[in-house]
């Protein structure tokens, strides 16, 4: 499979990942579905000319997507991939909630891959030039995650229990990976950019381990109450991946 070079080609490959997940009842498809939704929205914004540099944004978005696609292809062919992606993909066999499977993907793709992509695309240029468009991507992602939470109630009828567990804890799970990730990913991008391509290895390894630790918290929250509530939520969720994705797609 050739690496995509346009956002349209990214969407085609994401569709293939989703179709394979449905065929194999593979929960990897949950994040792939969310990510396809995000990528389609970014393409729409590019076509509308809503970024400061729309051609650069397509290059950036494709580079960003290829970190996920490369990780997925590496995982499915037993090739070495980042520790955090390995952890997220391996969790497909664990009895987690749909929300947790999605958040494990978001955690790695935003906290690790987004900074890598921004640094790579802006090597030899001033990274500050992409900051506004970088933040616009984060805003799009945040909006779609909120939309997805609303849609999740269709397949996860007890998701509201996270609210009742205290202080809107479902938002805490989201913000744990999303709110801080918006700032962290930009700081990571600047650090990697300043180091240059030939001197990034140690920093990337350190970032990967931090993201791996965050993934551990998403998979096994420290709060026993939240852990118990998540188990209750998972018990009553739809288990068929195809049915879940079909339902999430409905308008």
C-alpha atoms as a PDB file:
ATOM      1  CA  UNK A   1       0.000   0.000   0.000  1.00  0.00           C
ATOM      2  CA  UNK A   2       1.510   3.336  -1.091  1.00  0.00           C
ATOM      3  CA  UNK A   3       1.680   6.144   1.437  1.00  0.00           C
ATOM      4  CA  UNK A   4      -0.967   8.784   0.698  1.00  0.00           C
ATOM      5  CA  UNK A   5       0.159  12.126  -0.701  1.00  0.00           C
ATOM      6  CA  UNK A   6      -3.205  13.934  -0.645  1.00  0.00           C
ATOM      7  CA  UNK A   7      -5.991  14.194   1.910  1.00  0.00           C
ATOM      8  CA  UNK A   8      -8.299  12.337  -0.479  1.00  0.00           C
ATOM      9  CA  UNK A   9      -5.848   9.435  -0.516  1.00  0.00           C
ATOM     10  CA  UNK A  10      -5.696   9.554   3.297  1.00  0.00           C
ATOM     11  CA  UNK A  11      -9.480   9.203   3.425  1.00  0.00           C
ATOM     12  CA  UNK A  12      -9.341   6.201   1.091  1.00  0.00           C
ATOM     13  CA  UNK A  13      -6.808   4.441   3.307  1.00  0.00           C
ATOM     14  CA  UNK A  14      -8.748   5.283   6.470  1.00  0.00           C
ATOM     15  CA  UNK A  15     -11.853   3.787   4.828  1.00  0.00           C
ATOM     16  CA  UNK A  16      -9.880   0.604   4.187  1.00  0.00           C
ATOM     17  CA  UNK A  17      -8.793   0.460   7.837  1.00  0.00           C
ATOM     18  CA  UNK A  18     -12.396   0.968   8.973  1.00  0.00           C
ATOM     19  CA  UNK A  19     -13.730  -1.653   6.551  1.00  0.00           C
ATOM     20  CA  UNK A  20     -11.147  -4.167   7.787  1.00  0.00           C
ATOM     21  CA  UNK A  21     -12.067  -3.388  11.381  1.00  0.00           C
ATOM     22  CA  UNK A  22     -15.756  -3.966  10.670  1.00  0.00           C
ATOM     23  CA  UNK A  23     -15.034  -7.219   8.844  1.00  0.00           C
ATOM     24  CA  UNK A  24     -12.889  -8.502  11.740  1.00  0.00           C
ATOM     25  CA  UNK A  25     -14.935  -6.976  14.579  1.00  0.00           C
ATOM     26  CA  UNK A  26     -11.748  -5.134  15.517  1.00  0.00           C
ATOM     27  CA  UNK A  27     -12.037  -2.240  17.969  1.00  0.00           C
ATOM     28  CA  UNK A  28      -9.111  -0.471  16.310  1.00  0.00           C
ATOM     29  CA  UNK A  29     -11.852   0.818  14.023  1.00  0.00           C
ATOM     30  CA  UNK A  30     -13.288   3.156  16.667  1.00  0.00           C
ATOM     31  CA  UNK A  31     -10.410   5.627  16.586  1.00  0.00           C
ATOM     32  CA  UNK A  32     -10.029   5.169  12.813  1.00  0.00           C
ATOM     33  CA  UNK A  33     -13.657   6.240  12.411  1.00  0.00           C
ATOM     34  CA  UNK A  34     -13.164   9.345  14.564  1.00  0.00           C
ATOM     35  CA  UNK A  35      -9.961  10.206  12.731  1.00  0.00           C
ATOM     36  CA  UNK A  36     -11.636   9.848   9.360  1.00  0.00           C
ATOM     37  CA  UNK A  37     -14.305  12.287  10.545  1.00  0.00           C
ATOM     38  CA  UNK A  38     -11.608  14.775  11.587  1.00  0.00           C
ATOM     39  CA  UNK A  39      -9.688  14.384   8.326  1.00  0.00           C
ATOM     40  CA  UNK A  40     -12.804  14.901   6.214  1.00  0.00           C
ATOM     41  CA  UNK A  41     -13.535  18.104   8.129  1.00  0.00           C
ATOM     42  CA  UNK A  42      -9.985  19.373   7.589  1.00  0.00           C
ATOM     43  CA  UNK A  43     -10.330  18.669   3.853  1.00  0.00           C
ATOM     44  CA  UNK A  44     -13.574  20.624   3.859  1.00  0.00           C
ATOM     45  CA  UNK A  45     -11.882  23.586   5.580  1.00  0.00           C
ATOM     46  CA  UNK A  46      -8.973  23.437   3.100  1.00  0.00           C
ATOM     47  CA  UNK A  47     -11.399  23.457   0.168  1.00  0.00           C
ATOM     48  CA  UNK A  48     -13.170  26.447   1.695  1.00  0.00           C
ATOM     49  CA  UNK A  49      -9.819  28.228   2.045  1.00  0.00           C
ATOM     50  CA  UNK A  50     -10.158  28.678   5.801  1.00  0.00           C
ATOM     51  CA  UNK A  51      -6.494  28.211   6.723  1.00  0.00           C
ATOM     52  CA  UNK A  52      -3.753  30.818   6.452  1.00  0.00           C
ATOM     53  CA  UNK A  53      -1.889  28.568   4.007  1.00  0.00           C
ATOM     54  CA  UNK A  54      -4.195  25.904   2.583  1.00  0.00           C
ATOM     55  CA  UNK A  55      -1.575  24.159   0.432  1.00  0.00           C
ATOM     56  CA  UNK A  56       0.747  23.861   3.411  1.00  0.00           C
ATOM     57  CA  UNK A  57      -2.134  22.593   5.526  1.00  0.00           C
ATOM     58  CA  UNK A  58      -2.759  19.735   3.106  1.00  0.00           C
ATOM     59  CA  UNK A  59       0.935  18.824   3.279  1.00  0.00           C
ATOM     60  CA  UNK A  60       0.804  19.027   7.081  1.00  0.00           C
ATOM     61  CA  UNK A  61      -2.385  16.990   7.367  1.00  0.00           C
ATOM     62  CA  UNK A  62      -1.062  14.234   5.094  1.00  0.00           C
ATOM     63  CA  UNK A  63       2.211  14.091   7.052  1.00  0.00           C
ATOM     64  CA  UNK A  64       0.228  13.893  10.292  1.00  0.00           C
ATOM     65  CA  UNK A  65      -2.019  11.129   8.955  1.00  0.00           C
ATOM     66  CA  UNK A  66       0.935   9.087   7.745  1.00  0.00           C
ATOM     67  CA  UNK A  67       2.206   8.699  11.309  1.00  0.00           C
ATOM     68  CA  UNK A  68      -1.042   6.891  12.144  1.00  0.00           C
ATOM     69  CA  UNK A  69      -1.201   4.949   8.879  1.00  0.00           C
ATOM     70  CA  UNK A  70       2.441   3.873   9.208  1.00  0.00           C
ATOM     71  CA  UNK A  71       1.817   2.776  12.805  1.00  0.00           C
ATOM     72  CA  UNK A  72      -1.269   0.809  11.786  1.00  0.00           C
ATOM     73  CA  UNK A  73       0.522  -0.880   8.887  1.00  0.00           C
ATOM     74  CA  UNK A  74       3.503  -1.630  11.115  1.00  0.00           C
ATOM     75  CA  UNK A  75       1.265  -3.141  13.760  1.00  0.00           C
ATOM     76  CA  UNK A  76      -0.613  -5.354  11.324  1.00  0.00           C
ATOM     77  CA  UNK A  77       2.652  -6.648   9.805  1.00  0.00           C
ATOM     78  CA  UNK A  78       4.465  -7.089  13.142  1.00  0.00           C
ATOM     79  CA  UNK A  79       6.981  -4.319  12.472  1.00  0.00           C
ATOM     80  CA  UNK A  80       8.446  -2.124  15.245  1.00  0.00           C
ATOM     81  CA  UNK A  81       6.313   0.943  16.044  1.00  0.00           C
ATOM     82  CA  UNK A  82       6.236   3.487  18.867  1.00  0.00           C
ATOM     83  CA  UNK A  83       5.586   2.084  22.327  1.00  0.00           C
ATOM     84  CA  UNK A  84       2.503   4.255  22.732  1.00  0.00           C
ATOM     85  CA  UNK A  85       0.913   3.103  19.463  1.00  0.00           C
ATOM     86  CA  UNK A  86       1.761  -0.508  20.306  1.00  0.00           C
ATOM     87  CA  UNK A  87      -0.025  -0.065  23.635  1.00  0.00           C
ATOM     88  CA  UNK A  88      -3.070   1.582  22.026  1.00  0.00           C
ATOM     89  CA  UNK A  89      -3.422  -1.092  19.338  1.00  0.00           C
ATOM     90  CA  UNK A  90      -2.853  -3.964  21.774  1.00  0.00           C
ATOM     91  CA  UNK A  91      -5.744  -2.656  23.879  1.00  0.00           C
ATOM     92  CA  UNK A  92      -8.174  -3.731  21.145  1.00  0.00           C
ATOM     93  CA  UNK A  93      -8.403  -7.075  22.941  1.00  0.00           C
ATOM     94  CA  UNK A  94      -9.090  -5.543  26.349  1.00  0.00           C
ATOM     95  CA  UNK A  95     -12.630  -5.079  27.718  1.00  0.00           C
ATOM     96  CA  UNK A  96     -12.536  -1.284  27.634  1.00  0.00           C
ATOM     97  CA  UNK A  97     -15.340   1.137  26.836  1.00  0.00           C
ATOM     98  CA  UNK A  98     -15.691   2.546  23.328  1.00  0.00           C
ATOM     99  CA  UNK A  99     -14.681   5.937  24.740  1.00  0.00           C
ATOM    100  CA  UNK A 100     -11.455   4.500  26.152  1.00  0.00           C
ATOM    101  CA  UNK A 101     -10.517   2.863  22.839  1.00  0.00           C
ATOM    102  CA  UNK A 102     -11.046   6.208  21.073  1.00  0.00           C
ATOM    103  CA  UNK A 103      -9.098   8.143  23.693  1.00  0.00           C
ATOM    104  CA  UNK A 104      -6.117   5.782  23.502  1.00  0.00           C
ATOM    105  CA  UNK A 105      -5.823   6.648  19.809  1.00  0.00           C
ATOM    106  CA  UNK A 106      -6.296  10.367  20.402  1.00  0.00           C
ATOM    107  CA  UNK A 107      -3.684  10.313  23.154  1.00  0.00           C
ATOM    108  CA  UNK A 108      -0.942   8.925  20.918  1.00  0.00           C
ATOM    109  CA  UNK A 109      -1.849  10.735  17.728  1.00  0.00           C
ATOM    110  CA  UNK A 110      -2.092  14.156  19.360  1.00  0.00           C
ATOM    111  CA  UNK A 111       0.439  13.932  22.188  1.00  0.00           C
ATOM    112  CA  UNK A 112       3.103  12.310  19.996  1.00  0.00           C
ATOM    113  CA  UNK A 113       2.356  12.379  16.263  1.00  0.00           C
ATOM    114  CA  UNK A 114       1.061  15.943  15.935  1.00  0.00           C
ATOM    115  CA  UNK A 115       4.277  17.499  17.222  1.00  0.00           C
ATOM    116  CA  UNK A 116       6.355  15.197  15.046  1.00  0.00           C
ATOM    117  CA  UNK A 117       4.378  16.170  11.951  1.00  0.00           C
ATOM    118  CA  UNK A 118       4.562  19.912  12.598  1.00  0.00           C
ATOM    119  CA  UNK A 119       8.305  19.753  13.207  1.00  0.00           C
ATOM    120  CA  UNK A 120       8.907  17.676  10.078  1.00  0.00           C
ATOM    121  CA  UNK A 121       6.829  19.890   7.786  1.00  0.00           C
ATOM    122  CA  UNK A 122       8.448  23.095   9.061  1.00  0.00           C
ATOM    123  CA  UNK A 123      12.110  21.999   8.992  1.00  0.00           C
ATOM    124  CA  UNK A 124      14.062  24.724   7.194  1.00  0.00           C
ATOM    125  CA  UNK A 125      11.229  27.218   7.784  1.00  0.00           C
ATOM    126  CA  UNK A 126      10.013  29.261  10.748  1.00  0.00           C
ATOM    127  CA  UNK A 127       7.761  26.983  12.812  1.00  0.00           C
ATOM    128  CA  UNK A 128       5.898  29.966  14.246  1.00  0.00           C
ATOM    129  CA  UNK A 129       4.403  30.484  10.770  1.00  0.00           C
ATOM    130  CA  UNK A 130       2.199  27.397  11.187  1.00  0.00           C
ATOM    131  CA  UNK A 131       1.019  28.103  14.753  1.00  0.00           C
ATOM    132  CA  UNK A 132      -2.373  29.564  13.839  1.00  0.00           C
ATOM    133  CA  UNK A 133      -3.218  26.727  11.447  1.00  0.00           C
ATOM    134  CA  UNK A 134      -1.911  24.237  14.016  1.00  0.00           C
ATOM    135  CA  UNK A 135      -4.334  25.643  16.586  1.00  0.00           C
ATOM    136  CA  UNK A 136      -7.163  25.567  14.063  1.00  0.00           C
ATOM    137  CA  UNK A 137      -6.615  21.819  13.598  1.00  0.00           C
ATOM    138  CA  UNK A 138      -6.766  21.344  17.360  1.00  0.00           C
ATOM    139  CA  UNK A 139     -10.028  23.304  17.509  1.00  0.00           C
ATOM    140  CA  UNK A 140     -11.543  21.142  14.766  1.00  0.00           C
ATOM    141  CA  UNK A 141     -10.498  18.007  16.616  1.00  0.00           C
ATOM    142  CA  UNK A 142     -11.933  19.294  19.885  1.00  0.00           C
ATOM    143  CA  UNK A 143     -15.264  20.114  18.259  1.00  0.00           C
ATOM    144  CA  UNK A 144     -15.520  16.676  16.677  1.00  0.00           C
ATOM    145  CA  UNK A 145     -14.633  14.925  19.930  1.00  0.00           C
ATOM    146  CA  UNK A 146     -17.519  16.801  21.560  1.00  0.00           C
ATOM    147  CA  UNK A 147     -19.801  15.757  18.694  1.00  0.00           C
ATOM    148  CA  UNK A 148     -18.605  12.169  19.057  1.00  0.00           C
ATOM    149  CA  UNK A 149     -19.435  12.152  22.755  1.00  0.00           C
ATOM    150  CA  UNK A 150     -23.020  12.997  21.864  1.00  0.00           C
ATOM    151  CA  UNK A 151     -23.111  10.229  19.268  1.00  0.00           C
ATOM    152  CA  UNK A 152     -21.583   7.702  21.676  1.00  0.00           C
ATOM    153  CA  UNK A 153     -24.721   7.755  23.809  1.00  0.00           C
ATOM    154  CA  UNK A 154     -26.444   5.843  20.987  1.00  0.00           C
ATOM    155  CA  UNK A 155     -24.173   2.826  21.476  1.00  0.00           C
ATOM    156  CA  UNK A 156     -23.129   3.417  25.081  1.00  0.00           C
ATOM    157  CA  UNK A 157     -26.408   4.086  26.929  1.00  0.00           C
ATOM    158  CA  UNK A 158     -24.808   4.308  30.378  1.00  0.00           C
ATOM    159  CA  UNK A 159     -22.113   6.800  29.398  1.00  0.00           C
ATOM    160  CA  UNK A 160     -23.978   9.422  31.427  1.00  0.00           C
ATOM    161  CA  UNK A 161     -22.880   7.567  34.575  1.00  0.00           C
ATOM    162  CA  UNK A 162     -19.484   9.195  34.239  1.00  0.00           C
ATOM    163  CA  UNK A 163     -21.200  12.515  34.917  1.00  0.00           C
ATOM    164  CA  UNK A 164     -22.871  11.113  38.001  1.00  0.00           C
ATOM    165  CA  UNK A 165     -19.563   9.699  39.232  1.00  0.00           C
ATOM    166  CA  UNK A 166     -18.512  13.256  39.966  1.00  0.00           C
ATOM    167  CA  UNK A 167     -17.624  16.586  38.391  1.00  0.00           C
ATOM    168  CA  UNK A 168     -18.312  15.602  34.829  1.00  0.00           C
ATOM    169  CA  UNK A 169     -15.660  12.915  34.841  1.00  0.00           C
ATOM    170  CA  UNK A 170     -16.167  11.992  31.190  1.00  0.00           C
ATOM    171  CA  UNK A 171     -14.926  15.463  30.354  1.00  0.00           C
ATOM    172  CA  UNK A 172     -11.990  14.842  32.668  1.00  0.00           C
ATOM    173  CA  UNK A 173     -11.095  11.771  30.625  1.00  0.00           C
ATOM    174  CA  UNK A 174     -11.391  13.806  27.426  1.00  0.00           C
ATOM    175  CA  UNK A 175      -9.472  16.785  28.786  1.00  0.00           C
ATOM    176  CA  UNK A 176      -6.817  14.515  30.244  1.00  0.00           C
ATOM    177  CA  UNK A 177      -5.768  13.761  26.709  1.00  0.00           C
ATOM    178  CA  UNK A 178      -7.187  16.745  24.816  1.00  0.00           C
ATOM    179  CA  UNK A 179      -6.926  19.990  26.762  1.00  0.00           C
ATOM    180  CA  UNK A 180      -3.326  19.670  27.852  1.00  0.00           C
ATOM    181  CA  UNK A 181      -2.445  17.909  24.610  1.00  0.00           C
ATOM    182  CA  UNK A 182      -3.114  21.086  22.631  1.00  0.00           C
ATOM    183  CA  UNK A 183      -0.368  22.865  24.524  1.00  0.00           C
ATOM    184  CA  UNK A 184       1.979  19.901  24.923  1.00  0.00           C
ATOM    185  CA  UNK A 185       1.923  18.980  21.226  1.00  0.00           C
ATOM    186  CA  UNK A 186       2.890  22.525  20.244  1.00  0.00           C
ATOM    187  CA  UNK A 187       5.741  22.611  22.775  1.00  0.00           C
ATOM    188  CA  UNK A 188       6.922  19.231  21.490  1.00  0.00           C
ATOM    189  CA  UNK A 189       6.810  20.497  17.907  1.00  0.00           C
ATOM    190  CA  UNK A 190       8.969  23.489  18.819  1.00  0.00           C
ATOM    191  CA  UNK A 191      11.457  21.357  20.733  1.00  0.00           C
ATOM    192  CA  UNK A 192      11.847  18.837  17.919  1.00  0.00           C
ATOM    193  CA  UNK A 193      12.073  21.601  15.317  1.00  0.00           C
ATOM    194  CA  UNK A 194      14.822  23.333  17.286  1.00  0.00           C
ATOM    195  CA  UNK A 195      16.790  20.088  17.656  1.00  0.00           C
ATOM    196  CA  UNK A 196      16.741  19.353  13.938  1.00  0.00           C
ATOM    197  CA  UNK A 197      16.131  16.017  12.234  1.00  0.00           C
ATOM    198  CA  UNK A 198      19.495  14.507  13.166  1.00  0.00           C
ATOM    199  CA  UNK A 199      19.191  15.132  16.911  1.00  0.00           C
ATOM    200  CA  UNK A 200      15.589  14.255  17.726  1.00  0.00           C
ATOM    201  CA  UNK A 201      15.862  10.562  18.572  1.00  0.00           C
ATOM    202  CA  UNK A 202      16.277  10.808  22.349  1.00  0.00           C
ATOM    203  CA  UNK A 203      13.582  13.480  22.672  1.00  0.00           C
ATOM    204  CA  UNK A 204      11.106  11.410  20.623  1.00  0.00           C
ATOM    205  CA  UNK A 205      11.800   8.339  22.763  1.00  0.00           C
ATOM    206  CA  UNK A 206      11.152  10.371  25.924  1.00  0.00           C
ATOM    207  CA  UNK A 207       7.912  11.772  24.501  1.00  0.00           C
ATOM    208  CA  UNK A 208       6.819   8.279  23.525  1.00  0.00           C
ATOM    209  CA  UNK A 209       7.310   7.031  27.098  1.00  0.00           C
ATOM    210  CA  UNK A 210       5.313   9.964  28.526  1.00  0.00           C
ATOM    211  CA  UNK A 211       2.467   9.264  26.110  1.00  0.00           C
ATOM    212  CA  UNK A 212       2.646   5.576  26.992  1.00  0.00           C
ATOM    213  CA  UNK A 213       2.183   6.492  30.657  1.00  0.00           C
ATOM    214  CA  UNK A 214      -0.818   8.677  29.793  1.00  0.00           C
ATOM    215  CA  UNK A 215      -2.271   5.757  27.850  1.00  0.00           C
ATOM    216  CA  UNK A 216      -1.954   3.648  30.986  1.00  0.00           C
ATOM    217  CA  UNK A 217      -4.107   6.143  32.889  1.00  0.00           C
ATOM    218  CA  UNK A 218      -6.749   6.106  30.147  1.00  0.00           C
ATOM    219  CA  UNK A 219      -6.823   2.321  30.169  1.00  0.00           C
ATOM    220  CA  UNK A 220      -6.757   2.013  33.977  1.00  0.00           C
ATOM    221  CA  UNK A 221      -7.873   5.244  35.717  1.00  0.00           C
ATOM    222  CA  UNK A 222      -6.431   5.810  39.170  1.00  0.00           C
ATOM    223  CA  UNK A 223      -9.902   6.400  40.614  1.00  0.00           C
ATOM    224  CA  UNK A 224     -11.488   3.115  41.698  1.00  0.00           C
ATOM    225  CA  UNK A 225     -14.909   4.745  41.372  1.00  0.00           C
ATOM    226  CA  UNK A 226     -14.273   5.754  37.753  1.00  0.00           C
ATOM    227  CA  UNK A 227     -12.833   2.321  37.032  1.00  0.00           C
ATOM    228  CA  UNK A 228     -15.958   0.656  38.409  1.00  0.00           C
ATOM    229  CA  UNK A 229     -18.249   3.003  36.479  1.00  0.00           C
ATOM    230  CA  UNK A 230     -16.345   2.329  33.243  1.00  0.00           C
ATOM    231  CA  UNK A 231     -16.818  -1.414  33.732  1.00  0.00           C
ATOM    232  CA  UNK A 232     -20.568  -0.862  34.205  1.00  0.00           C
ATOM    233  CA  UNK A 233     -20.711   1.302  31.081  1.00  0.00           C
ATOM    234  CA  UNK A 234     -18.821  -1.278  29.045  1.00  0.00           C
ATOM    235  CA  UNK A 235     -21.126  -4.090  30.139  1.00  0.00           C
ATOM    236  CA  UNK A 236     -24.115  -2.463  28.425  1.00  0.00           C
ATOM    237  CA  UNK A 237     -22.404  -1.152  25.295  1.00  0.00           C
ATOM    238  CA  UNK A 238     -22.966  -2.510  21.807  1.00  0.00           C
ATOM    239  CA  UNK A 239     -20.192  -5.036  21.170  1.00  0.00           C
ATOM    240  CA  UNK A 240     -20.410  -5.422  17.394  1.00  0.00           C
ATOM    241  CA  UNK A 241     -17.908  -3.013  15.818  1.00  0.00           C
ATOM    242  CA  UNK A 242     -19.871  -2.757  12.567  1.00  0.00           C
ATOM    243  CA  UNK A 243     -23.075  -1.849  14.399  1.00  0.00           C
ATOM    244  CA  UNK A 244     -21.248   0.708  16.528  1.00  0.00           C
ATOM    245  CA  UNK A 245     -19.649   2.478  13.532  1.00  0.00           C
ATOM    246  CA  UNK A 246     -22.879   2.335  11.503  1.00  0.00           C
ATOM    247  CA  UNK A 247     -24.764   3.922  14.392  1.00  0.00           C
ATOM    248  CA  UNK A 248     -22.118   6.599  14.947  1.00  0.00           C
ATOM    249  CA  UNK A 249     -22.309   7.486  11.245  1.00  0.00           C
ATOM    250  CA  UNK A 250     -26.038   8.178  11.326  1.00  0.00           C
ATOM    251  CA  UNK A 251     -27.053  11.831  11.182  1.00  0.00           C
END
